[in-house]
Amino acid sequence: MTGTLYLVPTPIGNLGDISRRCAETLAAADFIAAEDTRVSLKLLNHLEIKKPLVSYHEHNKRESGPRILERLLAGESCALVTDAGCPAISDPGEDLVRLCAGAGVPVCAIPGPCAAITALSVSALATGRFAFEGFLPAQKKERRERLERLKTEERTMIFYEAPHRLRETLDALLAAFGPDRPVSLCRELTKLHEEVLRLTLGQAADYYKANEPRGEYVLVVGGAEPGLESVSLEQAADMVRALMAEGLRTKDAVKQVSEETGVAKNALYAAVV
């Protein structure tokens, strides 16, 4: 008989958020697969649990995943944890789940802390329909293309971001969605310095020009107004060039096309110039 892979959520800040069922599962598992064994060891010490730990993360998943699967097929049970939150959500655990599913190994997901849902619930934005986007691409071109595809997304959008990239990400969101789009910036959720700022993207960009980003962030961004026509950046740039060919100044042409299409003026001007 094969073992079972248990997906065990861990606290995103407050150790008191670990559930009894999560603790019992960690205690009953034959071994624990952890994103960072040093971080998980602190949690296990807090719970007074002693279990063998193996490393499983983005940079070793191709080697570690098959080894974990081999042990599961041999009948051992494994609890998969990340440093914080739900394993397999914006996390390499999804690859391990896929391996297990393909090999017929049972996978049991246990409910628990999740930064995305926690932030969404306090955002004061629409929660009935939402799109979880995780971390945006680090490369500017890829990030711009991703956001361009999301420009007409009507659902509330959720992004993760590290403090050292927050300003750059806010500038990219501002260029794609415009200054008036609402955003809820949730940082250090469940921790001592938890803070939720409900602003517009324009206000948020200005705020963090004057204030240093600190802690891990979840950005909850309001969706586009229904019925916004979907025009790509390239199409809008062509419209600007056509107006310029008719004698309109670049600045005026960009303004006119931006108002007609909803494409942010900054992004449009950069694409044309």
C-alpha atoms as a PDB file:
ATOM      1  CA  MET A   1       0.000   0.000   0.000  1.00  0.00           C
ATOM      2  CA  THR A   2       1.278   3.455  -0.880  1.00  0.00           C
ATOM      3  CA  GLY A   3       1.644   6.241   1.629  1.00  0.00           C
ATOM      4  CA  THR A   4      -0.145   9.605   1.494  1.00  0.00           C
ATOM      5  CA  LEU A   5       1.164  13.075   0.728  1.00  0.00           C
ATOM      6  CA  TYR A   6      -0.330  15.589   3.158  1.00  0.00           C
ATOM      7  CA  LEU A   7      -0.342  19.287   2.233  1.00  0.00           C
ATOM      8  CA  VAL A   8       0.016  21.065   5.574  1.00  0.00           C
ATOM      9  CA  PRO A   9      -0.395  24.873   5.700  1.00  0.00           C
ATOM     10  CA  THR A  10       1.845  26.693   8.163  1.00  0.00           C
ATOM     11  CA  PRO A  11       1.361  30.101   9.839  1.00  0.00           C
ATOM     12  CA  ILE A  12       2.091  33.160   7.693  1.00  0.00           C
ATOM     13  CA  GLY A  13       3.318  35.011  10.773  1.00  0.00           C
ATOM     14  CA  ASN A  14       1.482  34.141  13.969  1.00  0.00           C
ATOM     15  CA  LEU A  15       2.397  30.699  15.306  1.00  0.00           C
ATOM     16  CA  GLY A  16      -0.974  30.590  17.055  1.00  0.00           C
ATOM     17  CA  ASP A  17      -2.618  30.053  13.663  1.00  0.00           C
ATOM     18  CA  ILE A  18      -1.416  26.461  13.383  1.00  0.00           C
ATOM     19  CA  SER A  19      -4.480  24.234  13.687  1.00  0.00           C
ATOM     20  CA  ARG A  20      -4.737  21.115  15.838  1.00  0.00           C
ATOM     21  CA  ARG A  21      -5.261  19.000  12.732  1.00  0.00           C
ATOM     22  CA  CYS A  22      -2.135  20.432  11.075  1.00  0.00           C
ATOM     23  CA  ALA A  23      -0.082  19.724  14.197  1.00  0.00           C
ATOM     24  CA  GLU A  24      -1.475  16.191  14.465  1.00  0.00           C
ATOM     25  CA  THR A  25      -0.675  15.520  10.803  1.00  0.00           C
ATOM     26  CA  LEU A  26       2.910  16.715  11.218  1.00  0.00           C
ATOM     27  CA  ALA A  27       3.284  14.490  14.273  1.00  0.00           C
ATOM     28  CA  ALA A  28       1.860  11.433  12.489  1.00  0.00           C
ATOM     29  CA  ALA A  29       3.807  11.725   9.221  1.00  0.00           C
ATOM     30  CA  ASP A  30       6.835   9.481   8.676  1.00  0.00           C
ATOM     31  CA  PHE A  31       8.826  12.442   7.359  1.00  0.00           C
ATOM     32  CA  ILE A  32       8.373  16.106   6.458  1.00  0.00           C
ATOM     33  CA  ALA A  33       9.355  17.744   3.166  1.00  0.00           C
ATOM     34  CA  ALA A  34      10.185  21.409   3.790  1.00  0.00           C
ATOM     35  CA  GLU A  35      11.005  24.445   1.667  1.00  0.00           C
ATOM     36  CA  ASP A  36      13.645  25.496   4.214  1.00  0.00           C
ATOM     37  CA  THR A  37      14.371  22.883   6.870  1.00  0.00           C
ATOM     38  CA  ARG A  38      15.739  25.543   9.236  1.00  0.00           C
ATOM     39  CA  VAL A  39      12.470  27.486   9.172  1.00  0.00           C
ATOM     40  CA  SER A  40      10.355  24.355   9.578  1.00  0.00           C
ATOM     41  CA  LEU A  41      12.521  23.132  12.447  1.00  0.00           C
ATOM     42  CA  LYS A  42      11.587  26.237  14.438  1.00  0.00           C
ATOM     43  CA  LEU A  43       7.889  25.423  13.986  1.00  0.00           C
ATOM     44  CA  LEU A  44       8.411  21.791  14.926  1.00  0.00           C
ATOM     45  CA  ASN A  45      10.325  22.819  18.049  1.00  0.00           C
ATOM     46  CA  HIS A  46       7.451  25.136  18.978  1.00  0.00           C
ATOM     47  CA  LEU A  47       5.047  22.199  18.614  1.00  0.00           C
ATOM     48  CA  GLU A  48       7.469  19.832  20.389  1.00  0.00           C
ATOM     49  CA  ILE A  49       7.483  17.512  17.380  1.00  0.00           C
ATOM     50  CA  LYS A  50      10.547  15.563  16.244  1.00  0.00           C
ATOM     51  CA  LYS A  51      10.442  14.225  12.692  1.00  0.00           C
ATOM     52  CA  PRO A  52      12.968  13.616   9.901  1.00  0.00           C
ATOM     53  CA  LEU A  53      13.146  16.584   7.529  1.00  0.00           C
ATOM     54  CA  VAL A  54      14.035  16.527   3.837  1.00  0.00           C
ATOM     55  CA  SER A  55      14.566  19.544   1.619  1.00  0.00           C
ATOM     56  CA  TYR A  56      12.146  20.241  -1.217  1.00  0.00           C
ATOM     57  CA  HIS A  57      12.158  23.612  -2.984  1.00  0.00           C
ATOM     58  CA  GLU A  58      12.254  25.281  -6.405  1.00  0.00           C
ATOM     59  CA  HIS A  59      15.975  24.640  -6.962  1.00  0.00           C
ATOM     60  CA  ASN A  60      16.065  20.941  -6.062  1.00  0.00           C
ATOM     61  CA  LYS A  61      12.542  19.741  -6.936  1.00  0.00           C
ATOM     62  CA  ARG A  62      13.670  17.720  -9.965  1.00  0.00           C
ATOM     63  CA  GLU A  63      15.968  15.602  -7.814  1.00  0.00           C
ATOM     64  CA  SER A  64      14.088  15.701  -4.512  1.00  0.00           C
ATOM     65  CA  GLY A  65      10.593  15.124  -5.938  1.00  0.00           C
ATOM     66  CA  PRO A  66      11.252  11.623  -7.345  1.00  0.00           C
ATOM     67  CA  ARG A  67      13.034  10.614  -4.116  1.00  0.00           C
ATOM     68  CA  ILE A  68      10.011  11.679  -2.066  1.00  0.00           C
ATOM     69  CA  LEU A  69       7.694   9.839  -4.461  1.00  0.00           C
ATOM     70  CA  GLU A  70       9.793   6.686  -4.137  1.00  0.00           C
ATOM     71  CA  ARG A  71       9.362   6.758  -0.357  1.00  0.00           C
ATOM     72  CA  LEU A  72       5.616   7.348  -0.711  1.00  0.00           C
ATOM     73  CA  LEU A  73       5.301   4.400  -3.092  1.00  0.00           C
ATOM     74  CA  ALA A  74       7.145   2.309  -0.499  1.00  0.00           C
ATOM     75  CA  GLY A  75       4.401   3.064   2.032  1.00  0.00           C
ATOM     76  CA  GLU A  76       5.731   6.063   3.988  1.00  0.00           C
ATOM     77  CA  SER A  77       3.591   9.140   4.582  1.00  0.00           C
ATOM     78  CA  CYS A  78       4.939  12.648   3.955  1.00  0.00           C
ATOM     79  CA  ALA A  79       3.807  16.067   5.162  1.00  0.00           C
ATOM     80  CA  LEU A  80       4.716  18.834   2.707  1.00  0.00           C
ATOM     81  CA  VAL A  81       5.190  22.328   4.168  1.00  0.00           C
ATOM     82  CA  THR A  82       6.404  25.694   2.925  1.00  0.00           C
ATOM     83  CA  ASP A  83       8.028  28.423   4.987  1.00  0.00           C
ATOM     84  CA  ALA A  84       4.589  30.052   5.348  1.00  0.00           C
ATOM     85  CA  GLY A  85       1.117  29.442   3.975  1.00  0.00           C
ATOM     86  CA  CYS A  86      -0.336  26.721   1.757  1.00  0.00           C
ATOM     87  CA  PRO A  87       2.003  24.344  -0.066  1.00  0.00           C
ATOM     88  CA  ALA A  88       1.416  23.917  -3.810  1.00  0.00           C
ATOM     89  CA  ILE A  89      -0.089  27.426  -4.178  1.00  0.00           C
ATOM     90  CA  SER A  90       2.378  29.612  -6.124  1.00  0.00           C
ATOM     91  CA  ASP A  91       4.871  27.042  -4.889  1.00  0.00           C
ATOM     92  CA  PRO A  92       6.897  24.107  -6.321  1.00  0.00           C
ATOM     93  CA  GLY A  93       4.704  21.765  -4.285  1.00  0.00           C
ATOM     94  CA  GLU A  94       2.381  21.738  -7.292  1.00  0.00           C
ATOM     95  CA  ASP A  95       4.986  19.648  -9.139  1.00  0.00           C
ATOM     96  CA  LEU A  96       5.122  17.111  -6.315  1.00  0.00           C
ATOM     97  CA  VAL A  97       1.327  16.888  -6.265  1.00  0.00           C
ATOM     98  CA  ARG A  98       1.398  16.272 -10.012  1.00  0.00           C
ATOM     99  CA  LEU A  99       4.003  13.519  -9.578  1.00  0.00           C
ATOM    100  CA  CYS A 100       1.896  11.834  -6.910  1.00  0.00           C
ATOM    101  CA  ALA A 101      -1.317  12.131  -8.908  1.00  0.00           C
ATOM    102  CA  GLY A 102       0.370  10.532 -11.896  1.00  0.00           C
ATOM    103  CA  ALA A 103       1.673   7.649  -9.780  1.00  0.00           C
ATOM    104  CA  GLY A 104      -1.627   7.031  -7.999  1.00  0.00           C
ATOM    105  CA  VAL A 105      -0.386   8.277  -4.615  1.00  0.00           C
ATOM    106  CA  PRO A 106      -3.188   9.808  -2.482  1.00  0.00           C
ATOM    107  CA  VAL A 107      -2.865  13.543  -1.774  1.00  0.00           C
ATOM    108  CA  CYS A 108      -4.697  15.075   1.179  1.00  0.00           C
ATOM    109  CA  ALA A 109      -4.949  18.882   1.455  1.00  0.00           C
ATOM    110  CA  ILE A 110      -5.569  20.322   4.918  1.00  0.00           C
ATOM    111  CA  PRO A 111      -7.128  23.809   5.218  1.00  0.00           C
ATOM    112  CA  GLY A 112      -5.111  26.522   6.904  1.00  0.00           C
ATOM    113  CA  PRO A 113      -3.438  29.940   6.633  1.00  0.00           C
ATOM    114  CA  CYS A 114      -3.200  31.555   3.203  1.00  0.00           C
ATOM    115  CA  ALA A 115      -1.849  35.072   2.661  1.00  0.00           C
ATOM    116  CA  ALA A 116      -3.856  35.634  -0.544  1.00  0.00           C
ATOM    117  CA  ILE A 117      -7.231  34.872   1.030  1.00  0.00           C
ATOM    118  CA  THR A 118      -6.371  36.739   4.227  1.00  0.00           C
ATOM    119  CA  ALA A 119      -5.468  39.867   2.247  1.00  0.00           C
ATOM    120  CA  LEU A 120      -8.513  39.605  -0.011  1.00  0.00           C
ATOM    121  CA  SER A 121     -10.855  39.415   2.966  1.00  0.00           C
ATOM    122  CA  VAL A 122      -9.601  42.710   4.451  1.00  0.00           C
ATOM    123  CA  SER A 123      -9.086  44.559   1.157  1.00  0.00           C
ATOM    124  CA  ALA A 124     -12.541  46.159   1.030  1.00  0.00           C
ATOM    125  CA  LEU A 125     -12.595  45.221  -2.678  1.00  0.00           C
ATOM    126  CA  ALA A 126     -14.918  42.774  -4.435  1.00  0.00           C
ATOM    127  CA  THR A 127     -14.354  39.222  -3.181  1.00  0.00           C
ATOM    128  CA  GLY A 128     -16.978  37.266  -5.126  1.00  0.00           C
ATOM    129  CA  ARG A 129     -14.674  36.692  -8.109  1.00  0.00           C
ATOM    130  CA  PHE A 130     -10.911  37.064  -8.051  1.00  0.00           C
ATOM    131  CA  ALA A 131      -7.768  36.095  -9.951  1.00  0.00           C
ATOM    132  CA  PHE A 132      -4.663  34.995  -8.064  1.00  0.00           C
ATOM    133  CA  GLU A 133      -1.567  36.066 -10.024  1.00  0.00           C
ATOM    134  CA  GLY A 134       1.188  35.375  -7.469  1.00  0.00           C
ATOM    135  CA  PHE A 135       4.542  37.008  -8.243  1.00  0.00           C
ATOM    136  CA  LEU A 136       4.860  39.007 -11.461  1.00  0.00           C
ATOM    137  CA  PRO A 137       7.816  38.209 -13.767  1.00  0.00           C
ATOM    138  CA  ALA A 138      11.074  39.883 -12.767  1.00  0.00           C
ATOM    139  CA  GLN A 139      11.943  40.859 -16.344  1.00  0.00           C
ATOM    140  CA  LYS A 140      10.401  44.193 -17.400  1.00  0.00           C
ATOM    141  CA  LYS A 141       9.262  43.012 -20.837  1.00  0.00           C
ATOM    142  CA  GLU A 142       7.572  39.873 -19.496  1.00  0.00           C
ATOM    143  CA  ARG A 143       6.001  41.804 -16.628  1.00  0.00           C
ATOM    144  CA  ARG A 144       4.634  44.447 -19.003  1.00  0.00           C
ATOM    145  CA  GLU A 145       3.176  41.777 -21.304  1.00  0.00           C
ATOM    146  CA  ARG A 146       1.513  39.981 -18.364  1.00  0.00           C
ATOM    147  CA  LEU A 147      -0.064  43.188 -17.090  1.00  0.00           C
ATOM    148  CA  GLU A 148      -1.163  44.170 -20.570  1.00  0.00           C
ATOM    149  CA  ARG A 149      -3.171  40.931 -20.751  1.00  0.00           C
ATOM    150  CA  LEU A 150      -4.721  41.768 -17.378  1.00  0.00           C
ATOM    151  CA  LYS A 151      -5.709  45.319 -18.301  1.00  0.00           C
ATOM    152  CA  THR A 152      -9.338  44.362 -18.958  1.00  0.00           C
ATOM    153  CA  GLU A 153      -9.561  41.734 -16.194  1.00  0.00           C
ATOM    154  CA  GLU A 154     -12.777  42.541 -14.324  1.00  0.00           C
ATOM    155  CA  ARG A 155     -12.088  40.292 -11.328  1.00  0.00           C
ATOM    156  CA  THR A 156     -10.156  41.493  -8.293  1.00  0.00           C
ATOM    157  CA  MET A 157      -6.476  40.556  -8.746  1.00  0.00           C
ATOM    158  CA  ILE A 158      -4.052  39.349  -6.077  1.00  0.00           C
ATOM    159  CA  PHE A 159      -0.272  39.684  -6.364  1.00  0.00           C
ATOM    160  CA  TYR A 160       2.593  38.756  -4.035  1.00  0.00           C
ATOM    161  CA  GLU A 161       5.634  41.010  -3.795  1.00  0.00           C
ATOM    162  CA  ALA A 162       8.889  41.332  -1.871  1.00  0.00           C
ATOM    163  CA  PRO A 163       9.825  44.711  -0.343  1.00  0.00           C
ATOM    164  CA  HIS A 164      12.850  45.307  -2.574  1.00  0.00           C
ATOM    165  CA  ARG A 165      10.663  45.000  -5.704  1.00  0.00           C
ATOM    166  CA  LEU A 166       7.555  46.798  -4.473  1.00  0.00           C
ATOM    167  CA  ARG A 167       8.282  50.237  -5.965  1.00  0.00           C
ATOM    168  CA  GLU A 168       9.095  48.790  -9.371  1.00  0.00           C
ATOM    169  CA  THR A 169       5.941  46.670  -9.304  1.00  0.00           C
ATOM    170  CA  LEU A 170       3.744  49.607  -8.298  1.00  0.00           C
ATOM    171  CA  ASP A 171       5.166  51.632 -11.194  1.00  0.00           C
ATOM    172  CA  ALA A 172       4.359  48.766 -13.573  1.00  0.00           C
ATOM    173  CA  LEU A 173       0.807  48.416 -12.213  1.00  0.00           C
ATOM    174  CA  LEU A 174       0.342  52.171 -12.483  1.00  0.00           C
ATOM    175  CA  ALA A 175       1.494  52.185 -16.108  1.00  0.00           C
ATOM    176  CA  ALA A 176      -0.814  49.289 -17.001  1.00  0.00           C
ATOM    177  CA  PHE A 177      -3.959  50.116 -15.035  1.00  0.00           C
ATOM    178  CA  GLY A 178      -3.791  53.889 -14.503  1.00  0.00           C
ATOM    179  CA  PRO A 179      -3.576  55.996 -11.333  1.00  0.00           C
ATOM    180  CA  ASP A 180      -7.209  55.678 -10.247  1.00  0.00           C
ATOM    181  CA  ARG A 181      -7.372  51.872  -9.922  1.00  0.00           C
ATOM    182  CA  PRO A 182      -7.956  50.920  -6.258  1.00  0.00           C
ATOM    183  CA  VAL A 183      -5.354  48.797  -4.470  1.00  0.00           C
ATOM    184  CA  SER A 184      -5.077  47.345  -0.996  1.00  0.00           C
ATOM    185  CA  LEU A 185      -1.476  46.906   0.162  1.00  0.00           C
ATOM    186  CA  CYS A 186      -1.333  44.289   2.911  1.00  0.00           C
ATOM    187  CA  ARG A 187       2.013  43.760   4.608  1.00  0.00           C
ATOM    188  CA  GLU A 188       3.245  41.570   7.446  1.00  0.00           C
ATOM    189  CA  LEU A 189      -0.154  39.887   7.753  1.00  0.00           C
ATOM    190  CA  THR A 190      -0.821  38.333  11.200  1.00  0.00           C
ATOM    191  CA  LYS A 191       2.508  39.706  12.472  1.00  0.00           C
ATOM    192  CA  LEU A 192       3.276  42.442  14.999  1.00  0.00           C
ATOM    193  CA  HIS A 193       3.558  45.203  12.396  1.00  0.00           C
ATOM    194  CA  GLU A 194       0.595  44.172  10.245  1.00  0.00           C
ATOM    195  CA  GLU A 195      -0.651  47.032   8.078  1.00  0.00           C
ATOM    196  CA  VAL A 196      -3.330  47.438   5.410  1.00  0.00           C
ATOM    197  CA  LEU A 197      -3.286  50.542   3.195  1.00  0.00           C
ATOM    198  CA  ARG A 198      -6.312  51.094   0.957  1.00  0.00           C
ATOM    199  CA  LEU A 199      -5.287  53.560  -1.760  1.00  0.00           C
ATOM    200  CA  THR A 200      -5.314  54.122  -5.504  1.00  0.00           C
ATOM    201  CA  LEU A 201      -2.315  52.986  -7.544  1.00  0.00           C
ATOM    202  CA  GLY A 202      -1.296  56.613  -8.012  1.00  0.00           C
ATOM    203  CA  GLN A 203      -1.429  57.259  -4.281  1.00  0.00           C
ATOM    204  CA  ALA A 204       0.415  54.024  -3.529  1.00  0.00           C
ATOM    205  CA  ALA A 205       3.265  54.845  -5.919  1.00  0.00           C
ATOM    206  CA  ASP A 206       3.627  58.307  -4.358  1.00  0.00           C
ATOM    207  CA  TYR A 207       3.458  56.919  -0.817  1.00  0.00           C
ATOM    208  CA  TYR A 208       6.285  54.471  -1.404  1.00  0.00           C
ATOM    209  CA  LYS A 209       8.460  57.066  -3.066  1.00  0.00           C
ATOM    210  CA  ALA A 210       8.565  58.743   0.356  1.00  0.00           C
ATOM    211  CA  ASN A 211       8.393  55.613   2.543  1.00  0.00           C
ATOM    212  CA  GLU A 212      10.637  52.556   2.576  1.00  0.00           C
ATOM    213  CA  PRO A 213       8.809  49.279   1.827  1.00  0.00           C
ATOM    214  CA  ARG A 214       9.156  46.849   4.718  1.00  0.00           C
ATOM    215  CA  GLY A 215       8.009  43.255   5.064  1.00  0.00           C
ATOM    216  CA  GLU A 216       6.295  40.900   2.648  1.00  0.00           C
ATOM    217  CA  TYR A 217       3.373  42.325   0.663  1.00  0.00           C
ATOM    218  CA  VAL A 218       0.122  41.083  -0.796  1.00  0.00           C
ATOM    219  CA  LEU A 219      -1.337  43.541  -3.319  1.00  0.00           C
ATOM    220  CA  VAL A 220      -5.066  43.310  -3.950  1.00  0.00           C
ATOM    221  CA  VAL A 221      -5.988  45.318  -7.052  1.00  0.00           C
ATOM    222  CA  GLY A 222      -9.502  46.198  -8.143  1.00  0.00           C
ATOM    223  CA  GLY A 223     -10.684  44.811 -11.471  1.00  0.00           C
ATOM    224  CA  ALA A 224     -11.377  46.821 -14.606  1.00  0.00           C
ATOM    225  CA  GLU A 225     -14.729  48.487 -15.131  1.00  0.00           C
ATOM    226  CA  PRO A 226     -17.099  46.182 -17.065  1.00  0.00           C
ATOM    227  CA  GLY A 227     -17.157  46.719 -20.790  1.00  0.00           C
ATOM    228  CA  LEU A 228     -13.664  48.203 -21.124  1.00  0.00           C
ATOM    229  CA  GLU A 229     -12.642  47.554 -24.711  1.00  0.00           C
ATOM    230  CA  SER A 230      -9.662  45.286 -25.061  1.00  0.00           C
ATOM    231  CA  VAL A 231      -6.978  47.114 -27.063  1.00  0.00           C
ATOM    232  CA  SER A 232      -3.384  45.935 -26.914  1.00  0.00           C
ATOM    233  CA  LEU A 233      -0.502  48.312 -26.272  1.00  0.00           C
ATOM    234  CA  GLU A 234       0.745  47.733 -29.808  1.00  0.00           C
ATOM    235  CA  GLN A 235      -2.675  48.539 -31.305  1.00  0.00           C
ATOM    236  CA  ALA A 236      -2.955  51.697 -29.212  1.00  0.00           C
ATOM    237  CA  ALA A 237       0.566  52.760 -30.262  1.00  0.00           C
ATOM    238  CA  ASP A 238      -0.453  52.347 -33.911  1.00  0.00           C
ATOM    239  CA  MET A 239      -3.456  54.598 -33.260  1.00  0.00           C
ATOM    240  CA  VAL A 240      -1.126  57.242 -31.793  1.00  0.00           C
ATOM    241  CA  ARG A 241       1.186  57.065 -34.803  1.00  0.00           C
ATOM    242  CA  ALA A 242      -1.784  57.473 -37.129  1.00  0.00           C
ATOM    243  CA  LEU A 243      -2.854  60.635 -35.308  1.00  0.00           C
ATOM    244  CA  MET A 244       0.718  61.948 -35.386  1.00  0.00           C
ATOM    245  CA  ALA A 245       0.835  61.353 -39.126  1.00  0.00           C
ATOM    246  CA  GLU A 246      -2.191  63.646 -39.358  1.00  0.00           C
ATOM    247  CA  GLY A 247      -0.204  66.397 -37.606  1.00  0.00           C
ATOM    248  CA  LEU A 248      -1.171  65.905 -33.957  1.00  0.00           C
ATOM    249  CA  ARG A 249       1.580  66.372 -31.380  1.00  0.00           C
ATOM    250  CA  THR A 250       2.792  63.198 -29.679  1.00  0.00           C
ATOM    251  CA  LYS A 251       1.597  64.317 -26.263  1.00  0.00           C
ATOM    252  CA  ASP A 252      -1.883  65.171 -27.551  1.00  0.00           C
ATOM    253  CA  ALA A 253      -2.143  61.981 -29.591  1.00  0.00           C
ATOM    254  CA  VAL A 254      -1.152  59.852 -26.590  1.00  0.00           C
ATOM    255  CA  LYS A 255      -3.708  61.608 -24.393  1.00  0.00           C
ATOM    256  CA  GLN A 256      -6.511  61.118 -26.914  1.00  0.00           C
ATOM    257  CA  VAL A 257      -5.804  57.427 -27.511  1.00  0.00           C
ATOM    258  CA  SER A 258      -5.379  56.763 -23.784  1.00  0.00           C
ATOM    259  CA  GLU A 259      -8.808  58.261 -23.088  1.00  0.00           C
ATOM    260  CA  GLU A 260     -10.368  56.245 -25.903  1.00  0.00           C
ATOM    261  CA  THR A 261      -8.794  52.884 -25.088  1.00  0.00           C
ATOM    262  CA  GLY A 262      -7.948  52.941 -21.381  1.00  0.00           C
ATOM    263  CA  VAL A 263      -4.285  52.195 -22.117  1.00  0.00           C
ATOM    264  CA  ALA A 264      -2.122  54.020 -19.572  1.00  0.00           C
ATOM    265  CA  LYS A 265      -0.488  57.183 -20.957  1.00  0.00           C
ATOM    266  CA  ASN A 266       2.965  56.372 -19.533  1.00  0.00           C
ATOM    267  CA  ALA A 267       3.079  52.953 -21.180  1.00  0.00           C
ATOM    268  CA  LEU A 268       1.670  54.319 -24.418  1.00  0.00           C
ATOM    269  CA  TYR A 269       4.148  57.192 -24.614  1.00  0.00           C
ATOM    270  CA  ALA A 270       7.067  54.845 -23.927  1.00  0.00           C
ATOM    271  CA  ALA A 271       5.896  52.449 -26.637  1.00  0.00           C
ATOM    272  CA  VAL A 272       5.672  55.246 -29.227  1.00  0.00           C
ATOM    273  CA  VAL A 273       8.836  57.181 -28.320  1.00  0.00           C
END
